Amino acid sequence: MKTALLLIDLQNDFCPGGALGVAEGDATIAVANQAIAASLARNETVVASQDWHPMDHRSFAINSNAQIGTLGELEGLPQIWWPVHCVQGSPGAELHPQLDKQHIAAIFRKGENPDIDSYSAFFDNGLRAQTALDGWLKERGITHLAVMGLATDYCVKFSVLDALRLGYQTQVITDGCRGVNLRPDDSEQALAEMQSAGAQLVTLSQFTQR
């Protein structure tokens, strides 16, 4: 059994004060650093995803003549219209400055195609194209993942569901996640959906003591 810690989108724009700031999003950074330390102590790999959009991305409300936070359609798929965020090369797209980045073995960027959104660290929302993450993990014989990050109800959820579909035994470090919560119970429902699909929900304490 080989395990990797997968950190989802721990970027400035998803933290308070950012363009798409998640409430208490920065509280995940200390959790991530503890999880990184525990992984290193067990000689386990740490990887991360990074939202990396071109300025003309069509999921941005301003580029689709839509209102932020409303639901529409993009390339035949349901689409929440977002504020401009995580633009390639911008400070908001950078990983949080307090994150222990030096021990992240690889960073996988997503959301680069302007015509489709990409919540998952593995695939775009239409499952039409994939990042290099799955191949990278499989090349190294990694079969188990522990996932945490931002946001519970979007990029964490879709990454976990894809990981399960790809055959990874998957844990979610729940106290290392925070949600957008366009509806108040979105994160709770997302965790339930991940668990129903086969993910194991654990706390940081349970993860570090494994």
C-alpha atoms as a PDB file:
ATOM      1  CA  MET A   1       0.000   0.000   0.000  1.00  0.00           C
ATOM      2  CA  LYS A   2       1.376   3.393  -1.032  1.00  0.00           C
ATOM      3  CA  THR A   3      -0.406   6.554   0.009  1.00  0.00           C
ATOM      4  CA  ALA A   4      -0.261  10.154  -1.174  1.00  0.00           C
ATOM      5  CA  LEU A   5      -1.647  13.288   0.423  1.00  0.00           C
ATOM      6  CA  LEU A   6      -3.553  15.357  -2.151  1.00  0.00           C
ATOM      7  CA  LEU A   7      -3.996  19.047  -1.313  1.00  0.00           C
ATOM      8  CA  ILE A   8      -6.747  20.739  -3.284  1.00  0.00           C
ATOM      9  CA  ASP A   9      -6.432  24.368  -4.373  1.00  0.00           C
ATOM     10  CA  LEU A  10      -4.920  25.913  -1.231  1.00  0.00           C
ATOM     11  CA  GLN A  11      -4.629  29.245  -3.030  1.00  0.00           C
ATOM     12  CA  ASN A  12      -4.907  32.874  -2.030  1.00  0.00           C
ATOM     13  CA  ASP A  13      -8.075  33.541  -3.986  1.00  0.00           C
ATOM     14  CA  PHE A  14      -9.929  30.827  -2.055  1.00  0.00           C
ATOM     15  CA  CYS A  15      -8.952  32.250   1.321  1.00  0.00           C
ATOM     16  CA  PRO A  16     -10.592  35.213   3.107  1.00  0.00           C
ATOM     17  CA  GLY A  17      -9.843  38.405   1.224  1.00  0.00           C
ATOM     18  CA  GLY A  18      -9.417  36.537  -2.034  1.00  0.00           C
ATOM     19  CA  ALA A  19     -11.565  36.855  -5.139  1.00  0.00           C
ATOM     20  CA  LEU A  20     -13.554  33.737  -4.247  1.00  0.00           C
ATOM     21  CA  GLY A  21     -12.767  33.633  -0.553  1.00  0.00           C
ATOM     22  CA  VAL A  22     -14.141  30.678   1.396  1.00  0.00           C
ATOM     23  CA  ALA A  23     -15.098  31.345   5.013  1.00  0.00           C
ATOM     24  CA  GLU A  24     -12.249  30.090   7.245  1.00  0.00           C
ATOM     25  CA  GLY A  25     -10.408  28.918   4.134  1.00  0.00           C
ATOM     26  CA  ASP A  26      -7.084  29.930   5.639  1.00  0.00           C
ATOM     27  CA  ALA A  27      -7.768  27.631   8.617  1.00  0.00           C
ATOM     28  CA  THR A  28      -6.973  24.733   6.296  1.00  0.00           C
ATOM     29  CA  ILE A  29      -3.335  25.776   5.940  1.00  0.00           C
ATOM     30  CA  ALA A  30      -2.267  24.754   9.439  1.00  0.00           C
ATOM     31  CA  VAL A  31      -4.100  21.456   8.974  1.00  0.00           C
ATOM     32  CA  ALA A  32      -2.332  20.922   5.659  1.00  0.00           C
ATOM     33  CA  ASN A  33       1.078  21.584   7.187  1.00  0.00           C
ATOM     34  CA  GLN A  34       0.426  19.049   9.954  1.00  0.00           C
ATOM     35  CA  ALA A  35      -0.785  16.524   7.394  1.00  0.00           C
ATOM     36  CA  ILE A  36       2.331  17.160   5.292  1.00  0.00           C
ATOM     37  CA  ALA A  37       4.560  16.566   8.321  1.00  0.00           C
ATOM     38  CA  ALA A  38       2.762  13.313   9.133  1.00  0.00           C
ATOM     39  CA  SER A  39       3.059  12.163   5.526  1.00  0.00           C
ATOM     40  CA  LEU A  40       6.774  12.913   5.403  1.00  0.00           C
ATOM     41  CA  ALA A  41       7.316  11.033   8.661  1.00  0.00           C
ATOM     42  CA  ARG A  42       5.792   7.972   6.957  1.00  0.00           C
ATOM     43  CA  ASN A  43       7.763   8.527   3.727  1.00  0.00           C
ATOM     44  CA  GLU A  44       4.536   9.266   1.866  1.00  0.00           C
ATOM     45  CA  THR A  45       4.172  11.557  -1.120  1.00  0.00           C
ATOM     46  CA  VAL A  46       2.509  14.977  -1.056  1.00  0.00           C
ATOM     47  CA  VAL A  47       0.963  16.463  -4.196  1.00  0.00           C
ATOM     48  CA  ALA A  48      -1.299  19.434  -4.836  1.00  0.00           C
ATOM     49  CA  SER A  49      -3.719  20.832  -7.377  1.00  0.00           C
ATOM     50  CA  GLN A  50      -3.788  24.451  -8.471  1.00  0.00           C
ATOM     51  CA  ASP A  51      -6.681  26.243 -10.157  1.00  0.00           C
ATOM     52  CA  TRP A  52      -5.068  28.051 -13.103  1.00  0.00           C
ATOM     53  CA  HIS A  53      -7.513  29.929 -15.315  1.00  0.00           C
ATOM     54  CA  PRO A  54      -6.909  32.128 -18.348  1.00  0.00           C
ATOM     55  CA  MET A  55      -8.460  35.588 -18.031  1.00  0.00           C
ATOM     56  CA  ASP A  56     -11.030  34.748 -20.708  1.00  0.00           C
ATOM     57  CA  HIS A  57     -12.365  31.664 -18.924  1.00  0.00           C
ATOM     58  CA  ARG A  58     -16.052  31.304 -19.668  1.00  0.00           C
ATOM     59  CA  SER A  59     -16.926  30.185 -16.121  1.00  0.00           C
ATOM     60  CA  PHE A  60     -16.267  33.772 -15.035  1.00  0.00           C
ATOM     61  CA  ALA A  61     -19.609  35.547 -14.846  1.00  0.00           C
ATOM     62  CA  ILE A  62     -18.221  38.652 -16.527  1.00  0.00           C
ATOM     63  CA  ASN A  63     -17.202  36.620 -19.599  1.00  0.00           C
ATOM     64  CA  SER A  64     -20.615  34.982 -19.967  1.00  0.00           C
ATOM     65  CA  ASN A  65     -22.837  38.009 -19.276  1.00  0.00           C
ATOM     66  CA  ALA A  66     -24.110  36.314 -16.135  1.00  0.00           C
ATOM     67  CA  GLN A  67     -24.617  37.135 -12.486  1.00  0.00           C
ATOM     68  CA  ILE A  68     -22.095  35.781  -9.978  1.00  0.00           C
ATOM     69  CA  GLY A  69     -23.397  32.820  -8.004  1.00  0.00           C
ATOM     70  CA  THR A  70     -26.235  31.942 -10.356  1.00  0.00           C
ATOM     71  CA  LEU A  71     -26.626  28.695 -12.280  1.00  0.00           C
ATOM     72  CA  GLY A  72     -26.359  28.466 -16.044  1.00  0.00           C
ATOM     73  CA  GLU A  73     -24.972  26.138 -18.673  1.00  0.00           C
ATOM     74  CA  LEU A  74     -21.528  25.869 -20.263  1.00  0.00           C
ATOM     75  CA  GLU A  75     -20.695  23.365 -22.997  1.00  0.00           C
ATOM     76  CA  GLY A  76     -23.880  21.458 -22.185  1.00  0.00           C
ATOM     77  CA  LEU A  77     -23.062  21.159 -18.493  1.00  0.00           C
ATOM     78  CA  PRO A  78     -24.572  22.943 -15.464  1.00  0.00           C
ATOM     79  CA  GLN A  79     -22.339  25.868 -14.536  1.00  0.00           C
ATOM     80  CA  ILE A  80     -22.154  28.136 -11.502  1.00  0.00           C
ATOM     81  CA  TRP A  81     -20.992  31.570 -12.690  1.00  0.00           C
ATOM     82  CA  TRP A  82     -17.975  32.595 -10.624  1.00  0.00           C
ATOM     83  CA  PRO A  83     -16.121  35.841  -9.987  1.00  0.00           C
ATOM     84  CA  VAL A  84     -12.788  36.167 -11.766  1.00  0.00           C
ATOM     85  CA  HIS A  85     -10.367  34.068  -9.694  1.00  0.00           C
ATOM     86  CA  CYS A  86      -7.067  32.176  -9.845  1.00  0.00           C
ATOM     87  CA  VAL A  87      -5.970  33.863 -13.056  1.00  0.00           C
ATOM     88  CA  GLN A  88      -2.734  32.434 -14.399  1.00  0.00           C
ATOM     89  CA  GLY A  89       0.286  34.272 -12.995  1.00  0.00           C
ATOM     90  CA  SER A  90      -1.737  36.409 -10.582  1.00  0.00           C
ATOM     91  CA  PRO A  91      -1.073  36.654  -6.815  1.00  0.00           C
ATOM     92  CA  GLY A  92      -4.503  35.151  -6.184  1.00  0.00           C
ATOM     93  CA  ALA A  93      -3.558  31.989  -8.064  1.00  0.00           C
ATOM     94  CA  GLU A  94      -0.476  31.399  -5.924  1.00  0.00           C
ATOM     95  CA  LEU A  95      -0.484  28.769  -3.209  1.00  0.00           C
ATOM     96  CA  HIS A  96      -0.993  30.243   0.256  1.00  0.00           C
ATOM     97  CA  PRO A  97       2.265  31.764   1.549  1.00  0.00           C
ATOM     98  CA  GLN A  98       2.110  29.846   4.840  1.00  0.00           C
ATOM     99  CA  LEU A  99       1.709  26.469   3.132  1.00  0.00           C
ATOM    100  CA  ASP A 100       4.762  24.196   3.378  1.00  0.00           C
ATOM    101  CA  LYS A 101       5.304  24.141  -0.364  1.00  0.00           C
ATOM    102  CA  GLN A 102       8.891  22.851  -0.279  1.00  0.00           C
ATOM    103  CA  HIS A 103       7.668  19.342   0.540  1.00  0.00           C
ATOM    104  CA  ILE A 104       5.082  19.154  -2.249  1.00  0.00           C
ATOM    105  CA  ALA A 105       6.477  16.730  -4.821  1.00  0.00           C
ATOM    106  CA  ALA A 106       4.331  17.872  -7.741  1.00  0.00           C
ATOM    107  CA  ILE A 107       1.637  20.459  -8.498  1.00  0.00           C
ATOM    108  CA  PHE A 108      -1.064  19.721 -11.063  1.00  0.00           C
ATOM    109  CA  ARG A 109      -2.770  22.693 -12.672  1.00  0.00           C
ATOM    110  CA  LYS A 110      -6.372  22.599 -13.815  1.00  0.00           C
ATOM    111  CA  GLY A 111      -8.933  24.898 -15.399  1.00  0.00           C
ATOM    112  CA  GLU A 112      -6.680  26.020 -18.246  1.00  0.00           C
ATOM    113  CA  ASN A 113      -9.205  25.343 -21.013  1.00  0.00           C
ATOM    114  CA  PRO A 114     -11.312  28.535 -21.236  1.00  0.00           C
ATOM    115  CA  ASP A 115     -14.359  26.675 -22.550  1.00  0.00           C
ATOM    116  CA  ILE A 116     -15.006  24.266 -19.666  1.00  0.00           C
ATOM    117  CA  ASP A 117     -14.667  24.357 -15.895  1.00  0.00           C
ATOM    118  CA  SER A 118     -12.464  21.883 -14.036  1.00  0.00           C
ATOM    119  CA  TYR A 119     -13.309  21.280 -10.396  1.00  0.00           C
ATOM    120  CA  SER A 120     -11.549  17.925 -10.126  1.00  0.00           C
ATOM    121  CA  ALA A 121      -7.792  17.535  -9.868  1.00  0.00           C
ATOM    122  CA  PHE A 122      -8.137  14.635 -12.331  1.00  0.00           C
ATOM    123  CA  PHE A 123     -10.570  15.693 -15.083  1.00  0.00           C
ATOM    124  CA  ASP A 124     -12.470  18.653 -16.457  1.00  0.00           C
ATOM    125  CA  ASN A 125     -16.160  18.786 -15.603  1.00  0.00           C
ATOM    126  CA  GLY A 126     -17.135  16.965 -18.773  1.00  0.00           C
ATOM    127  CA  LEU A 127     -14.585  14.170 -18.260  1.00  0.00           C
ATOM    128  CA  ARG A 128     -13.278  15.080 -21.724  1.00  0.00           C
ATOM    129  CA  ALA A 129      -9.680  15.799 -20.771  1.00  0.00           C
ATOM    130  CA  GLN A 130      -7.560  14.846 -17.799  1.00  0.00           C
ATOM    131  CA  THR A 131      -4.614  16.265 -15.952  1.00  0.00           C
ATOM    132  CA  ALA A 132      -1.375  14.336 -15.508  1.00  0.00           C
ATOM    133  CA  LEU A 133      -2.250  13.482 -11.887  1.00  0.00           C
ATOM    134  CA  ASP A 134      -3.614   9.941 -12.332  1.00  0.00           C
ATOM    135  CA  GLY A 135      -0.727   8.861 -14.538  1.00  0.00           C
ATOM    136  CA  TRP A 136       1.798  10.388 -12.148  1.00  0.00           C
ATOM    137  CA  LEU A 137       0.315   8.551  -9.162  1.00  0.00           C
ATOM    138  CA  LYS A 138       0.030   5.221 -10.957  1.00  0.00           C
ATOM    139  CA  GLU A 139       3.623   5.442 -12.221  1.00  0.00           C
ATOM    140  CA  ARG A 140       4.668   5.553  -8.584  1.00  0.00           C
ATOM    141  CA  GLY A 141       2.440   2.711  -7.473  1.00  0.00           C
ATOM    142  CA  ILE A 142       0.224   4.912  -5.311  1.00  0.00           C
ATOM    143  CA  THR A 143      -3.089   3.215  -4.509  1.00  0.00           C
ATOM    144  CA  HIS A 144      -4.405   5.227  -1.549  1.00  0.00           C
ATOM    145  CA  LEU A 145      -5.152   8.948  -1.284  1.00  0.00           C
ATOM    146  CA  ALA A 146      -5.890  11.300   1.585  1.00  0.00           C
ATOM    147  CA  VAL A 147      -7.584  14.436   0.256  1.00  0.00           C
ATOM    148  CA  MET A 148      -8.204  17.836   1.829  1.00  0.00           C
ATOM    149  CA  GLY A 149      -8.499  21.462   0.784  1.00  0.00           C
ATOM    150  CA  LEU A 150     -10.804  23.966  -0.862  1.00  0.00           C
ATOM    151  CA  ALA A 151     -13.599  23.850  -1.409  1.00  0.00           C
ATOM    152  CA  THR A 152     -15.470  20.916   0.152  1.00  0.00           C
ATOM    153  CA  ASP A 153     -18.535  21.242  -2.050  1.00  0.00           C
ATOM    154  CA  TYR A 154     -16.753  21.714  -5.383  1.00  0.00           C
ATOM    155  CA  CYS A 155     -13.120  20.887  -6.043  1.00  0.00           C
ATOM    156  CA  VAL A 156     -12.637  18.533  -3.087  1.00  0.00           C
ATOM    157  CA  LYS A 157     -15.866  16.668  -3.807  1.00  0.00           C
ATOM    158  CA  PHE A 158     -15.230  16.211  -7.518  1.00  0.00           C
ATOM    159  CA  SER A 159     -11.587  15.217  -6.942  1.00  0.00           C
ATOM    160  CA  VAL A 160     -12.622  12.588  -4.409  1.00  0.00           C
ATOM    161  CA  LEU A 161     -15.400  11.174  -6.605  1.00  0.00           C
ATOM    162  CA  ASP A 162     -12.988  10.916  -9.530  1.00  0.00           C
ATOM    163  CA  ALA A 163     -10.311   9.320  -7.340  1.00  0.00           C
ATOM    164  CA  LEU A 164     -12.802   6.654  -6.288  1.00  0.00           C
ATOM    165  CA  ARG A 165     -13.855   6.037  -9.899  1.00  0.00           C
ATOM    166  CA  LEU A 166     -10.192   5.646 -10.823  1.00  0.00           C
ATOM    167  CA  GLY A 167      -9.780   2.963  -8.163  1.00  0.00           C
ATOM    168  CA  TYR A 168      -7.991   4.810  -5.365  1.00  0.00           C
ATOM    169  CA  GLN A 169      -8.824   3.987  -1.771  1.00  0.00           C
ATOM    170  CA  THR A 170      -9.652   7.480  -0.614  1.00  0.00           C
ATOM    171  CA  GLN A 171      -9.878   9.313   2.684  1.00  0.00           C
ATOM    172  CA  VAL A 172     -11.136  12.858   3.206  1.00  0.00           C
ATOM    173  CA  ILE A 173      -9.522  14.832   6.037  1.00  0.00           C
ATOM    174  CA  THR A 174     -12.683  16.663   7.023  1.00  0.00           C
ATOM    175  CA  ASP A 175     -11.198  19.328   9.293  1.00  0.00           C
ATOM    176  CA  GLY A 176      -8.828  20.223   6.448  1.00  0.00           C
ATOM    177  CA  CYS A 177     -11.738  21.268   4.224  1.00  0.00           C
ATOM    178  CA  ARG A 178     -14.002  24.318   4.036  1.00  0.00           C
ATOM    179  CA  GLY A 179     -16.887  24.944   1.670  1.00  0.00           C
ATOM    180  CA  VAL A 180     -18.301  27.713  -0.517  1.00  0.00           C
ATOM    181  CA  ASN A 181     -21.812  26.864   0.723  1.00  0.00           C
ATOM    182  CA  LEU A 182     -23.953  28.741  -1.756  1.00  0.00           C
ATOM    183  CA  ARG A 183     -26.630  26.843   0.165  1.00  0.00           C
ATOM    184  CA  PRO A 184     -25.951  26.415   3.894  1.00  0.00           C
ATOM    185  CA  ASP A 185     -25.822  22.612   3.832  1.00  0.00           C
ATOM    186  CA  ASP A 186     -23.770  22.187   0.630  1.00  0.00           C
ATOM    187  CA  SER A 187     -20.614  21.039   2.422  1.00  0.00           C
ATOM    188  CA  GLU A 188     -22.496  18.611   4.641  1.00  0.00           C
ATOM    189  CA  GLN A 189     -24.201  17.137   1.588  1.00  0.00           C
ATOM    190  CA  ALA A 190     -20.887  16.935  -0.259  1.00  0.00           C
ATOM    191  CA  LEU A 191     -19.265  14.978   2.574  1.00  0.00           C
ATOM    192  CA  ALA A 192     -22.250  12.616   2.663  1.00  0.00           C
ATOM    193  CA  GLU A 193     -22.004  12.123  -1.106  1.00  0.00           C
ATOM    194  CA  MET A 194     -18.291  11.339  -0.899  1.00  0.00           C
ATOM    195  CA  GLN A 195     -18.880   8.895   1.930  1.00  0.00           C
ATOM    196  CA  SER A 196     -21.722   7.190   0.048  1.00  0.00           C
ATOM    197  CA  ALA A 197     -19.429   6.776  -2.958  1.00  0.00           C
ATOM    198  CA  GLY A 198     -16.883   4.946  -0.798  1.00  0.00           C
ATOM    199  CA  ALA A 199     -14.643   7.600   0.744  1.00  0.00           C
ATOM    200  CA  GLN A 200     -13.638   7.321   4.383  1.00  0.00           C
ATOM    201  CA  LEU A 201     -14.121  10.501   6.394  1.00  0.00           C
ATOM    202  CA  VAL A 202     -11.342  11.075   8.938  1.00  0.00           C
ATOM    203  CA  THR A 203     -10.089  13.862  11.158  1.00  0.00           C
ATOM    204  CA  LEU A 204      -6.551  15.217  11.057  1.00  0.00           C
ATOM    205  CA  SER A 205      -5.893  13.427  14.349  1.00  0.00           C
ATOM    206  CA  GLN A 206      -6.976  10.101  12.859  1.00  0.00           C
ATOM    207  CA  PHE A 207      -4.855  10.730   9.762  1.00  0.00           C
ATOM    208  CA  THR A 208      -1.716  11.632  11.689  1.00  0.00           C
ATOM    209  CA  GLN A 209      -2.059   8.638  14.026  1.00  0.00           C
ATOM    210  CA  ARG A 210      -2.613   6.100  11.251  1.00  0.00           C
END
